[in-house]
PDB file of N, CA and C in Angstrom:
ATOM      1  N   MET A   1      44.545-109.547-140.535  1.00  0.00           N
ATOM      2  CA  MET A   1      43.867-110.840-140.563  1.00  0.00           C
ATOM      3  C   MET A   1      42.597-110.055-140.725  1.00  0.00           C
ATOM      4  N   THR A   2      41.501-110.389-141.871  1.00  0.00           N
ATOM      5  CA  THR A   2      39.765-110.108-141.062  1.00  0.00           C
ATOM      6  C   THR A   2      39.187-111.492-141.879  1.00  0.00           C
ATOM      7  N   TYR A   3      38.506-111.280-140.579  1.00  0.00           N
ATOM      8  CA  TYR A   3      37.091-112.624-140.625  1.00  0.00           C
ATOM      9  C   TYR A   3      36.058-111.936-140.862  1.00  0.00           C
ATOM     10  N   ILE A   4      34.585-112.728-142.208  1.00  0.00           N
ATOM     11  CA  ILE A   4      34.056-112.047-142.168  1.00  0.00           C
ATOM     12  C   ILE A   4      33.398-112.702-142.027  1.00  0.00           C
ATOM     13  N   SER A   5      32.253-113.145-141.626  1.00  0.00           N
ATOM     14  CA  SER A   5      30.811-114.137-141.202  1.00  0.00           C
ATOM     15  C   SER A   5      29.897-114.023-141.107  1.00  0.00           C
ATOM     16  N   ILE A   6      29.016-114.670-142.489  1.00  0.00           N
ATOM     17  CA  ILE A   6      27.566-114.182-142.561  1.00  0.00           C
ATOM     18  C   ILE A   6      27.257-115.028-142.409  1.00  0.00           C
ATOM     19  N   LEU A   7      26.156-114.552-141.386  1.00  0.00           N
ATOM     20  CA  LEU A   7      25.305-115.089-140.294  1.00  0.00           C
ATOM     21  C   LEU A   7      23.737-115.043-140.613  1.00  0.00           C
ATOM     22  N   PRO A   8      23.888-116.242-141.174  1.00  0.00           N
ATOM     23  CA  PRO A   8      21.398-116.046-141.572  1.00  0.00           C
ATOM     24  C   PRO A   8      20.963-115.983-140.583  1.00  0.00           C
ATOM     25  N   LYS A   9      19.274-115.743-140.266  1.00  0.00           N
ATOM     26  CA  LYS A   9      19.333-115.397-139.386  1.00  0.00           C
ATOM     27  C   LYS A   9      17.925-116.629-139.125  1.00  0.00           C
ATOM     28  N   SER A  10      17.858-117.182-140.184  1.00  0.00           N
ATOM     29  CA  SER A  10      16.530-118.267-140.767  1.00  0.00           C
ATOM     30  C   SER A  10      16.861-119.392-141.434  1.00  0.00           C
ATOM     31  N   GLU A  11      16.364-120.525-141.217  1.00  0.00           N
ATOM     32  CA  GLU A  11      16.840-121.534-142.135  1.00  0.00           C
ATOM     33  C   GLU A  11      16.468-121.348-143.903  1.00  0.00           C
ATOM     34  N   THR A  12      15.313-120.022-143.958  1.00  0.00           N
ATOM     35  CA  THR A  12      15.156-119.563-145.743  1.00  0.00           C
ATOM     36  C   THR A  12      15.994-118.981-146.078  1.00  0.00           C
ATOM     37  N   ILE A  13      16.673-118.035-145.034  1.00  0.00           N
ATOM     38  CA  ILE A  13      17.811-116.791-145.932  1.00  0.00           C
ATOM     39  C   ILE A  13      19.098-117.688-145.751  1.00  0.00           C
ATOM     40  N   GLN A  14      19.167-118.451-144.662  1.00  0.00           N
ATOM     41  CA  GLN A  14      19.865-119.105-145.461  1.00  0.00           C
ATOM     42  C   GLN A  14      20.262-119.565-146.999  1.00  0.00           C
ATOM     43  N   ALA A  15      19.237-120.822-147.165  1.00  0.00           N
ATOM     44  CA  ALA A  15      18.727-121.277-148.229  1.00  0.00           C
ATOM     45  C   ALA A  15      19.215-120.003-149.450  1.00  0.00           C
ATOM     46  N   ARG A  16      18.847-118.884-149.472  1.00  0.00           N
ATOM     47  CA  ARG A  16      18.797-118.073-150.397  1.00  0.00           C
ATOM     48  C   ARG A  16      20.449-117.138-150.535  1.00  0.00           C
ATOM     49  N   ILE A  17      20.750-117.558-149.571  1.00  0.00           N
ATOM     50  CA  ILE A  17      22.264-117.494-149.439  1.00  0.00           C
ATOM     51  C   ILE A  17      23.005-117.731-150.284  1.00  0.00           C
ATOM     52  N   ALA A  18      22.707-119.807-149.799  1.00  0.00           N
ATOM     53  CA  ALA A  18      23.366-120.567-149.791  1.00  0.00           C
ATOM     54  C   ALA A  18      22.940-120.527-151.632  1.00  0.00           C
ATOM     55  N   GLU A  19      22.252-120.151-151.550  1.00  0.00           N
ATOM     56  CA  GLU A  19      22.196-120.504-153.598  1.00  0.00           C
ATOM     57  C   GLU A  19      22.861-119.590-154.367  1.00  0.00           C
ATOM     58  N   SER A  20      23.233-118.545-154.072  1.00  0.00           N
ATOM     59  CA  SER A  20      24.135-117.338-154.499  1.00  0.00           C
ATOM     60  C   SER A  20      26.141-117.369-153.196  1.00  0.00           C
ATOM     61  N   GLY A  21      26.027-118.642-152.704  1.00  0.00           N
ATOM     62  CA  GLY A  21      27.373-118.727-152.054  1.00  0.00           C
ATOM     63  C   GLY A  21      28.380-118.012-152.359  1.00  0.00           C
ATOM     64  N   GLU A  22      28.949-118.645-153.801  1.00  0.00           N
ATOM     65  CA  GLU A  22      29.897-117.956-153.893  1.00  0.00           C
ATOM     66  C   GLU A  22      30.305-116.870-154.853  1.00  0.00           C
ATOM     67  N   VAL A  23      29.787-115.702-155.183  1.00  0.00           N
ATOM     68  CA  VAL A  23      28.639-114.859-155.850  1.00  0.00           C
ATOM     69  C   VAL A  23      28.722-113.980-154.561  1.00  0.00           C
ATOM     70  N   ALA A  24      28.086-114.461-152.861  1.00  0.00           N
ATOM     71  CA  ALA A  24      27.753-113.295-151.891  1.00  0.00           C
ATOM     72  C   ALA A  24      29.253-113.278-151.155  1.00  0.00           C
ATOM     73  N   MET A  25      30.652-114.210-150.973  1.00  0.00           N
ATOM     74  CA  MET A  25      31.025-114.593-150.876  1.00  0.00           C
ATOM     75  C   MET A  25      31.606-113.817-151.112  1.00  0.00           C
ATOM     76  N   ASP A  26      32.115-114.162-152.908  1.00  0.00           N
ATOM     77  CA  ASP A  26      33.266-112.961-153.272  1.00  0.00           C
ATOM     78  C   ASP A  26      33.335-111.502-153.566  1.00  0.00           C
ATOM     79  N   LEU A  27      31.995-111.176-153.403  1.00  0.00           N
ATOM     80  CA  LEU A  27      30.886-109.602-153.201  1.00  0.00           C
ATOM     81  C   LEU A  27      31.735-108.906-151.862  1.00  0.00           C
ATOM     82  N   LEU A  28      31.586-109.985-150.759  1.00  0.00           N
ATOM     83  CA  LEU A  28      31.783-109.106-149.028  1.00  0.00           C
ATOM     84  C   LEU A  28      33.087-109.110-149.338  1.00  0.00           C
ATOM     85  N   PHE A  29      34.614-110.259-150.413  1.00  0.00           N
ATOM     86  CA  PHE A  29      35.977-110.750-150.093  1.00  0.00           C
ATOM     87  C   PHE A  29      36.634-109.179-151.059  1.00  0.00           C
ATOM     88  N   THR A  30      36.076-108.919-152.224  1.00  0.00           N
ATOM     89  CA  THR A  30      36.125-107.678-152.642  1.00  0.00           C
ATOM     90  C   THR A  30      36.467-106.311-152.420  1.00  0.00           C
ATOM     91  N   ALA A  31      34.850-106.622-151.846  1.00  0.00           N
ATOM     92  CA  ALA A  31      34.233-104.730-151.085  1.00  0.00           C
ATOM     93  C   ALA A  31      35.746-104.790-149.902  1.00  0.00           C
ATOM     94  N   THR A  32      36.130-106.361-149.011  1.00  0.00           N
ATOM     95  CA  THR A  32      36.768-105.978-147.965  1.00  0.00           C
ATOM     96  C   THR A  32      38.456-105.780-149.052  1.00  0.00           C
ATOM     97  N   ARG A  33      38.422-106.132-149.963  1.00  0.00           N
ATOM     98  CA  ARG A  33      40.042-105.827-150.283  1.00  0.00           C
ATOM     99  C   ARG A  33      40.520-104.419-150.948  1.00  0.00           C
ATOM    100  N   GLU A  34      39.118-104.258-151.358  1.00  0.00           N
ATOM    101  CA  GLU A  34      39.382-102.697-152.226  1.00  0.00           C
ATOM    102  C   GLU A  34      39.101-101.855-150.935  1.00  0.00           C
ATOM    103  N   VAL A  35      38.342-101.866-150.401  1.00  0.00           N
ATOM    104  CA  VAL A  35      37.851-100.712-148.953  1.00  0.00           C
ATOM    105  C   VAL A  35      39.129-100.727-148.561  1.00  0.00           C
ATOM    106  N   LEU A  36      39.324-101.892-147.715  1.00  0.00           N
ATOM    107  CA  LEU A  36      40.617-101.506-146.691  1.00  0.00           C
ATOM    108  C   LEU A  36      41.558-102.027-146.648  1.00  0.00           C
ATOM    109  N   GLY A  37      42.132-102.179-148.620  1.00  0.00           N
ATOM    110  CA  GLY A  37      43.593-102.118-148.798  1.00  0.00           C
ATOM    111  C   GLY A  37      44.859-103.690-148.598  1.00  0.00           C
ATOM    112  N   ILE A  38      43.132-104.216-147.894  1.00  0.00           N
ATOM    113  CA  ILE A  38      44.749-105.277-147.421  1.00  0.00           C
ATOM    114  C   ILE A  38      44.788-106.929-148.494  1.00  0.00           C
ATOM    115  N   PRO A  39      45.542-107.381-148.655  1.00  0.00           N
ATOM    116  CA  PRO A  39      45.607-108.756-149.295  1.00  0.00           C
ATOM    117  C   PRO A  39      45.030-109.668-149.180  1.00  0.00           C
ATOM    118  N   ASP A  40      44.750-110.051-150.365  1.00  0.00           N
ATOM    119  CA  ASP A  40      44.142-111.186-150.267  1.00  0.00           C
ATOM    120  C   ASP A  40      43.965-112.265-149.261  1.00  0.00           C
ATOM    121  N   ASN A  41      45.182-112.397-148.985  1.00  0.00           N
ATOM    122  CA  ASN A  41      45.944-114.021-148.163  1.00  0.00           C
ATOM    123  C   ASN A  41      45.434-113.450-146.692  1.00  0.00           C
ATOM    124  N   ASP A  42      44.881-112.402-146.105  1.00  0.00           N
ATOM    125  CA  ASP A  42      44.920-111.533-145.311  1.00  0.00           C
ATOM    126  C   ASP A  42      42.619-111.575-144.778  1.00  0.00           C
ATOM    127  N   ILE A  43      42.269-112.027-146.246  1.00  0.00           N
ATOM    128  CA  ILE A  43      40.767-112.392-145.785  1.00  0.00           C
ATOM    129  C   ILE A  43      40.341-113.587-145.566  1.00  0.00           C
ATOM    130  N   ILE A  44      39.161-113.812-145.087  1.00  0.00           N
ATOM    131  CA  ILE A  44      38.779-115.090-144.670  1.00  0.00           C
ATOM    132  C   ILE A  44      37.345-115.016-144.965  1.00  0.00           C
ATOM    133  N   VAL A  45      36.304-115.287-145.672  1.00  0.00           N
ATOM    134  CA  VAL A  45      34.844-115.018-145.564  1.00  0.00           C
ATOM    135  C   VAL A  45      34.660-116.528-145.247  1.00  0.00           C
ATOM    136  N   GLU A  46      33.432-116.510-144.241  1.00  0.00           N
ATOM    137  CA  GLU A  46      32.508-117.391-143.933  1.00  0.00           C
ATOM    138  C   GLU A  46      31.444-117.308-144.139  1.00  0.00           C
ATOM    139  N   LEU A  47      30.472-118.632-144.555  1.00  0.00           N
ATOM    140  CA  LEU A  47      28.994-119.352-144.497  1.00  0.00           C
ATOM    141  C   LEU A  47      28.505-119.341-143.424  1.00  0.00           C
ATOM    142  N   HIS A  48      27.758-119.667-142.936  1.00  0.00           N
ATOM    143  CA  HIS A  48      27.166-120.007-141.870  1.00  0.00           C
ATOM    144  C   HIS A  48      26.346-120.539-141.645  1.00  0.00           C
ATOM    145  N   THR A  49      25.588-121.186-140.841  1.00  0.00           N
ATOM    146  CA  THR A  49      24.552-121.993-140.565  1.00  0.00           C
ATOM    147  C   THR A  49      23.122-120.910-139.883  1.00  0.00           C
ATOM    148  N   SER A  50      22.695-121.268-139.492  1.00  0.00           N
ATOM    149  CA  SER A  50      21.582-120.417-139.312  1.00  0.00           C
ATOM    150  C   SER A  50      21.531-121.187-137.464  1.00  0.00           C
ATOM    151  N   THR A  51      21.099-120.337-136.677  1.00  0.00           N
ATOM    152  CA  THR A  51      21.646-120.687-135.367  1.00  0.00           C
ATOM    153  C   THR A  51      20.341-120.154-134.030  1.00  0.00           C
ATOM    154  N   THR A  52      19.556-119.070-135.063  1.00  0.00           N
ATOM    155  CA  THR A  52      18.455-118.686-134.737  1.00  0.00           C
ATOM    156  C   THR A  52      17.556-119.244-134.580  1.00  0.00           C
ATOM    157  N   MET A  53      17.168-119.598-133.275  1.00  0.00           N
ATOM    158  CA  MET A  53      15.746-120.110-132.813  1.00  0.00           C
ATOM    159  C   MET A  53      14.402-119.033-132.713  1.00  0.00           C
ATOM    160  N   ALA A  54      14.789-117.917-132.289  1.00  0.00           N
ATOM    161  CA  ALA A  54      13.680-117.242-132.137  1.00  0.00           C
ATOM    162  C   ALA A  54      13.823-115.418-132.369  1.00  0.00           C
ATOM    163  N   PHE A  55      12.530-114.787-132.795  1.00  0.00           N
ATOM    164  CA  PHE A  55      13.348-113.248-131.697  1.00  0.00           C
ATOM    165  C   PHE A  55      12.366-112.627-131.204  1.00  0.00           C
ATOM    166  N   GLN A  56      13.345-112.164-130.493  1.00  0.00           N
ATOM    167  CA  GLN A  56      12.226-111.363-129.373  1.00  0.00           C
ATOM    168  C   GLN A  56      10.669-110.583-129.958  1.00  0.00           C
ATOM    169  N   GLN A  57      10.107-111.011-129.428  1.00  0.00           N
ATOM    170  CA  GLN A  57       8.331-110.277-129.812  1.00  0.00           C
ATOM    171  C   GLN A  57       8.568-108.953-130.592  1.00  0.00           C
ATOM    172  N   SER A  58       8.649-108.305-129.455  1.00  0.00           N
ATOM    173  CA  SER A  58       8.809-106.890-130.194  1.00  0.00           C
ATOM    174  C   SER A  58      10.011-106.446-130.983  1.00  0.00           C
ATOM    175  N   ALA A  59      10.586-107.237-131.186  1.00  0.00           N
ATOM    176  CA  ALA A  59      11.991-106.802-132.790  1.00  0.00           C
ATOM    177  C   ALA A  59      11.210-107.063-133.479  1.00  0.00           C
ATOM    178  N   VAL A  60      10.209-108.052-133.599  1.00  0.00           N
ATOM    179  CA  VAL A  60       9.474-108.595-134.916  1.00  0.00           C
ATOM    180  C   VAL A  60       8.428-107.905-134.843  1.00  0.00           C
ATOM    181  N   SER A  61       7.810-107.574-133.843  1.00  0.00           N
ATOM    182  CA  SER A  61       6.487-106.538-134.378  1.00  0.00           C
ATOM    183  C   SER A  61       7.329-104.961-134.564  1.00  0.00           C
ATOM    184  N   ALA A  62       8.348-104.884-134.105  1.00  0.00           N
ATOM    185  CA  ALA A  62       8.778-103.470-135.045  1.00  0.00           C
ATOM    186  C   ALA A  62       9.546-103.501-136.595  1.00  0.00           C
ATOM    187  N   GLN A  63       9.522-104.714-136.871  1.00  0.00           N
ATOM    188  CA  GLN A  63      10.182-105.433-137.944  1.00  0.00           C
ATOM    189  C   GLN A  63      11.730-104.521-137.944  1.00  0.00           C
ATOM    190  N   VAL A  64      12.371-104.953-136.519  1.00  0.00           N
ATOM    191  CA  VAL A  64      13.275-104.608-136.725  1.00  0.00           C
ATOM    192  C   VAL A  64      15.217-105.483-136.975  1.00  0.00           C
ATOM    193  N   ALA A  65      14.632-107.203-137.105  1.00  0.00           N
ATOM    194  CA  ALA A  65      14.678-108.218-136.561  1.00  0.00           C
ATOM    195  C   ALA A  65      15.612-108.667-137.774  1.00  0.00           C
ATOM    196  N   PRO A  66      17.282-108.108-138.178  1.00  0.00           N
ATOM    197  CA  PRO A  66      17.372-108.344-139.041  1.00  0.00           C
ATOM    198  C   PRO A  66      17.227-109.658-140.275  1.00  0.00           C
ATOM    199  N   ASP A  67      17.624-110.547-141.542  1.00  0.00           N
ATOM    200  CA  ASP A  67      17.213-111.681-141.641  1.00  0.00           C
ATOM    201  C   ASP A  67      18.894-112.240-141.658  1.00  0.00           C
ATOM    202  N   ALA A  68      19.791-111.239-141.816  1.00  0.00           N
ATOM    203  CA  ALA A  68      21.336-111.534-142.083  1.00  0.00           C
ATOM    204  C   ALA A  68      21.882-110.612-141.386  1.00  0.00           C
ATOM    205  N   VAL A  69      23.150-111.133-140.422  1.00  0.00           N
ATOM    206  CA  VAL A  69      24.271-109.807-140.038  1.00  0.00           C
ATOM    207  C   VAL A  69      25.404-110.807-141.045  1.00  0.00           C
ATOM    208  N   LEU A  70      26.118-109.682-141.292  1.00  0.00           N
ATOM    209  CA  LEU A  70      27.198-109.848-141.864  1.00  0.00           C
ATOM    210  C   LEU A  70      28.753-109.042-140.794  1.00  0.00           C
ATOM    211  N   ALA A  71      29.398-109.664-140.503  1.00  0.00           N
ATOM    212  CA  ALA A  71      30.116-109.176-139.191  1.00  0.00           C
ATOM    213  C   ALA A  71      31.824-109.867-139.609  1.00  0.00           C
ATOM    214  N   PHE A  72      32.018-108.373-139.419  1.00  0.00           N
ATOM    215  CA  PHE A  72      34.071-108.162-140.062  1.00  0.00           C
ATOM    216  C   PHE A  72      34.317-107.671-139.119  1.00  0.00           C
ATOM    217  N   ALA A  73      35.698-108.544-138.285  1.00  0.00           N
ATOM    218  CA  ALA A  73      36.628-108.649-137.535  1.00  0.00           C
ATOM    219  C   ALA A  73      38.002-108.397-138.484  1.00  0.00           C
ATOM    220  N   THR A  74      38.427-107.405-137.587  1.00  0.00           N
ATOM    221  CA  THR A  74      40.078-107.296-137.710  1.00  0.00           C
ATOM    222  C   THR A  74      40.969-107.322-136.702  1.00  0.00           C
ATOM    223  N   SER A  75      42.407-106.912-136.663  1.00  0.00           N
ATOM    224  CA  SER A  75      43.261-107.121-135.447  1.00  0.00           C
ATOM    225  C   SER A  75      43.919-105.781-136.140  1.00  0.00           C
ATOM    226  N   ASP A  76      43.182-105.170-137.133  1.00  0.00           N
ATOM    227  CA  ASP A  76      44.123-104.109-137.603  1.00  0.00           C
ATOM    228  C   ASP A  76      43.856-102.450-136.933  1.00  0.00           C
ATOM    229  N   GLN A  77      44.308-102.160-135.974  1.00  0.00           N
ATOM    230  CA  GLN A  77      43.620-101.253-135.466  1.00  0.00           C
ATOM    231  C   GLN A  77      43.317-100.154-136.693  1.00  0.00           C
ATOM    232  N   HIS A  78      44.473 -99.771-137.460  1.00  0.00           N
ATOM    233  CA  HIS A  78      44.417 -98.662-138.229  1.00  0.00           C
ATOM    234  C   HIS A  78      43.838 -98.151-139.226  1.00  0.00           C
ATOM    235  N   LEU A  79      43.537-100.111-139.532  1.00  0.00           N
ATOM    236  CA  LEU A  79      41.754 -99.649-140.681  1.00  0.00           C
ATOM    237  C   LEU A  79      40.109 -98.822-139.599  1.00  0.00           C
ATOM    238  N   GLN A  80      40.483 -98.615-138.692  1.00  0.00           N
ATOM    239  CA  GLN A  80      38.980 -97.967-137.986  1.00  0.00           C
ATOM    240  C   GLN A  80      38.424 -96.974-138.947  1.00  0.00           C
ATOM    241  N   PRO A  81      39.584 -96.290-139.676  1.00  0.00           N
ATOM    242  CA  PRO A  81      38.944 -94.598-139.895  1.00  0.00           C
ATOM    243  C   PRO A  81      38.393 -95.009-141.451  1.00  0.00           C
ATOM    244  N   LEU A  82      38.297 -96.772-141.612  1.00  0.00           N
ATOM    245  CA  LEU A  82      37.915 -96.941-142.938  1.00  0.00           C
ATOM    246  C   LEU A  82      36.250 -97.586-142.509  1.00  0.00           C
ATOM    247  N   PHE A  83      35.676 -98.161-141.648  1.00  0.00           N
ATOM    248  CA  PHE A  83      35.205 -98.991-141.346  1.00  0.00           C
ATOM    249  C   PHE A  83      33.290 -98.761-141.979  1.00  0.00           C
ATOM    250  N   GLN A  84      33.297 -96.774-141.570  1.00  0.00           N
ATOM    251  CA  GLN A  84      32.143 -96.570-142.034  1.00  0.00           C
ATOM    252  C   GLN A  84      32.059 -96.743-143.812  1.00  0.00           C
ATOM    253  N   ALA A  85      33.097 -96.818-144.387  1.00  0.00           N
ATOM    254  CA  ALA A  85      33.048 -96.753-145.759  1.00  0.00           C
ATOM    255  C   ALA A  85      32.925 -98.599-146.447  1.00  0.00           C
ATOM    256  N   LEU A  86      33.509 -98.799-145.730  1.00  0.00           N
ATOM    257  CA  LEU A  86      33.256-100.438-145.577  1.00  0.00           C
ATOM    258  C   LEU A  86      31.710-101.192-145.518  1.00  0.00           C
ATOM    259  N   CYS A  87      31.218-100.657-144.496  1.00  0.00           N
ATOM    260  CA  CYS A  87      29.560-100.387-144.628  1.00  0.00           C
ATOM    261  C   CYS A  87      29.111-100.132-145.245  1.00  0.00           C
ATOM    262  N   ASP A  88      29.154 -98.950-145.959  1.00  0.00           N
ATOM    263  CA  ASP A  88      27.940 -98.343-146.922  1.00  0.00           C
ATOM    264  C   ASP A  88      28.775 -98.543-148.146  1.00  0.00           C
ATOM    265  N   ARG A  89      29.802 -99.873-148.671  1.00  0.00           N
ATOM    266  CA  ARG A  89      30.491-100.428-149.525  1.00  0.00           C
ATOM    267  C   ARG A  89      29.379-101.627-149.966  1.00  0.00           C
ATOM    268  N   VAL A  90      29.307-102.597-148.507  1.00  0.00           N
ATOM    269  CA  VAL A  90      28.798-104.040-148.161  1.00  0.00           C
ATOM    270  C   VAL A  90      27.435-103.972-148.462  1.00  0.00           C
ATOM    271  N   VAL A  91      26.877-102.329-147.872  1.00  0.00           N
ATOM    272  CA  VAL A  91      25.435-102.739-147.746  1.00  0.00           C
ATOM    273  C   VAL A  91      24.564-102.398-149.404  1.00  0.00           C
ATOM    274  N   GLU A  92      25.463-101.873-149.692  1.00  0.00           N
ATOM    275  CA  GLU A  92      25.556-101.194-151.546  1.00  0.00           C
ATOM    276  C   GLU A  92      25.437-102.254-152.402  1.00  0.00           C
ATOM    277  N   ASP A  93      26.474-103.258-152.253  1.00  0.00           N
ATOM    278  CA  ASP A  93      26.892-104.751-153.345  1.00  0.00           C
ATOM    279  C   ASP A  93      25.727-105.279-152.638  1.00  0.00           C
ATOM    280  N   TRP A  94      25.883-105.353-151.009  1.00  0.00           N
ATOM    281  CA  TRP A  94      24.653-106.755-151.091  1.00  0.00           C
ATOM    282  C   TRP A  94      23.505-106.792-151.199  1.00  0.00           C
ATOM    283  N   SER A  95      23.022-104.804-151.031  1.00  0.00           N
ATOM    284  CA  SER A  95      21.556-105.670-151.634  1.00  0.00           C
ATOM    285  C   SER A  95      21.129-104.879-153.077  1.00  0.00           C
ATOM    286  N   GLY A  96      22.169-104.599-153.984  1.00  0.00           N
ATOM    287  CA  GLY A  96      21.818-105.152-155.179  1.00  0.00           C
ATOM    288  C   GLY A  96      22.116-106.704-155.554  1.00  0.00           C
ATOM    289  N   LEU A  97      22.338-108.097-155.213  1.00  0.00           N
ATOM    290  CA  LEU A  97      22.353-109.244-155.001  1.00  0.00           C
ATOM    291  C   LEU A  97      21.055-110.021-154.263  1.00  0.00           C
ATOM    292  N   PHE A  98      20.879-108.963-152.906  1.00  0.00           N
ATOM    293  CA  PHE A  98      19.397-109.502-152.364  1.00  0.00           C
ATOM    294  C   PHE A  98      18.761-107.894-151.894  1.00  0.00           C
ATOM    295  N   GLU A  99      18.349-107.575-152.764  1.00  0.00           N
ATOM    296  CA  GLU A  99      17.614-106.314-152.112  1.00  0.00           C
ATOM    297  C   GLU A  99      16.799-106.268-151.481  1.00  0.00           C
ATOM    298  N   ASP A 100      15.679-107.407-151.696  1.00  0.00           N
ATOM    299  CA  ASP A 100      14.546-107.855-149.773  1.00  0.00           C
ATOM    300  C   ASP A 100      15.167-108.448-148.344  1.00  0.00           C
ATOM    301  N   MET A 101      16.207-108.235-148.335  1.00  0.00           N
ATOM    302  CA  MET A 101      16.799-108.498-147.493  1.00  0.00           C
ATOM    303  C   MET A 101      17.105-107.715-146.199  1.00  0.00           C
ATOM    304  N   LYS A 102      16.280-108.579-144.961  1.00  0.00           N
ATOM    305  CA  LYS A 102      16.850-107.295-143.978  1.00  0.00           C
ATOM    306  C   LYS A 102      18.683-107.522-143.441  1.00  0.00           C
ATOM    307  N   LEU A 103      19.175-106.498-143.516  1.00  0.00           N
ATOM    308  CA  LEU A 103      20.122-106.342-143.041  1.00  0.00           C
ATOM    309  C   LEU A 103      21.658-105.818-142.147  1.00  0.00           C
ATOM    310  N   GLU A 104      22.169-106.621-141.113  1.00  0.00           N
ATOM    311  CA  GLU A 104      23.210-105.959-140.509  1.00  0.00           C
ATOM    312  C   GLU A 104      24.537-105.770-140.486  1.00  0.00           C
ATOM    313  N   VAL A 105      25.144-104.799-140.439  1.00  0.00           N
ATOM    314  CA  VAL A 105      26.675-106.019-140.722  1.00  0.00           C
ATOM    315  C   VAL A 105      27.281-104.383-139.862  1.00  0.00           C
ATOM    316  N   TRP A 106      28.172-105.674-138.919  1.00  0.00           N
ATOM    317  CA  TRP A 106      29.101-104.938-137.870  1.00  0.00           C
ATOM    318  C   TRP A 106      30.662-105.858-138.567  1.00  0.00           C
ATOM    319  N   VAL A 107      31.253-104.532-137.670  1.00  0.00           N
ATOM    320  CA  VAL A 107      32.627-104.350-137.903  1.00  0.00           C
ATOM    321  C   VAL A 107      33.428-104.139-136.931  1.00  0.00           C
ATOM    322  N   SER A 108      34.182-104.534-136.027  1.00  0.00           N
ATOM    323  CA  SER A 108      34.832-105.198-135.019  1.00  0.00           C
ATOM    324  C   SER A 108      36.544-104.822-134.795  1.00  0.00           C
ATOM    325  N   LEU A 109      37.084-104.629-133.967  1.00  0.00           N
ATOM    326  CA  LEU A 109      38.038-104.756-133.740  1.00  0.00           C
ATOM    327  C   LEU A 109      38.421-106.384-132.777  1.00  0.00           C
ATOM    328  N   ILE A 110      39.352-106.783-132.737  1.00  0.00           N
ATOM    329  CA  ILE A 110      39.629-107.894-131.828  1.00  0.00           C
ATOM    330  C   ILE A 110      41.514-107.844-131.431  1.00  0.00           C
ATOM    331  N   ASP A 111      41.920-108.117-130.119  1.00  0.00           N
ATOM    332  CA  ASP A 111      42.802-108.244-129.871  1.00  0.00           C
ATOM    333  C   ASP A 111      43.793-108.754-130.274  1.00  0.00           C
ATOM    334  N   ALA A 112      45.162-108.741-131.121  1.00  0.00           N
ATOM    335  CA  ALA A 112      45.717-108.542-131.517  1.00  0.00           C
ATOM    336  C   ALA A 112      46.244-109.820-131.287  1.00  0.00           C
ATOM    337  N   SER A 113      46.334-109.844-129.525  1.00  0.00           N
ATOM    338  CA  SER A 113      46.710-111.044-128.248  1.00  0.00           C
ATOM    339  C   SER A 113      46.247-112.371-128.670  1.00  0.00           C
ATOM    340  N   ALA A 114      44.515-112.356-129.104  1.00  0.00           N
ATOM    341  CA  ALA A 114      44.083-113.545-129.741  1.00  0.00           C
ATOM    342  C   ALA A 114      43.995-113.646-130.633  1.00  0.00           C
ATOM    343  N   THR A 115      45.444-113.969-131.187  1.00  0.00           N
ATOM    344  CA  THR A 115      45.573-114.024-132.802  1.00  0.00           C
ATOM    345  C   THR A 115      45.813-115.107-132.961  1.00  0.00           C
ATOM    346  N   ASN A 116      45.623-116.156-133.986  1.00  0.00           N
ATOM    347  CA  ASN A 116      46.838-117.637-133.412  1.00  0.00           C
ATOM    348  C   ASN A 116      47.946-117.366-134.469  1.00  0.00           C
ATOM    349  N   ILE A 117      49.368-118.310-133.672  1.00  0.00           N
ATOM    350  CA  ILE A 117      50.420-118.378-134.865  1.00  0.00           C
ATOM    351  C   ILE A 117      51.320-119.176-135.137  1.00  0.00           C
ATOM    352  N   GLU A 118      51.241-119.973-136.299  1.00  0.00           N
ATOM    353  CA  GLU A 118      51.543-121.254-136.885  1.00  0.00           C
ATOM    354  C   GLU A 118      52.738-121.517-136.592  1.00  0.00           C
ATOM    355  N   TRP A 119      53.340-122.734-135.994  1.00  0.00           N
ATOM    356  CA  TRP A 119      54.192-122.726-135.780  1.00  0.00           C
ATOM    357  C   TRP A 119      55.482-124.122-136.189  1.00  0.00           C
TER     358      TRP A 119
END
């Protein structure tokens, strides 16, 4: 299972992403399916609300604070060699939709023992 979280870092960015919400979520879903080669029912995309109150002033001054973070988490360790290709694809596709948005992409492995089991 791969979970994708769209984490806007301000209410303004949150509103921009929400305006294109389905397109943005479909973009991430498609990139994940095509690059990682996993089935549709193993991908969940979520758009979150901004919980960021402020950034450290030095990050703002250095202009390194992101507008949004895209966080991908999977328990499929065999996919790790594809993470860079996924990041490259997502940055390219996202930039086409939100060309002036500062973006960070995080891809991580989660421990399989932390997954839910349906009874």
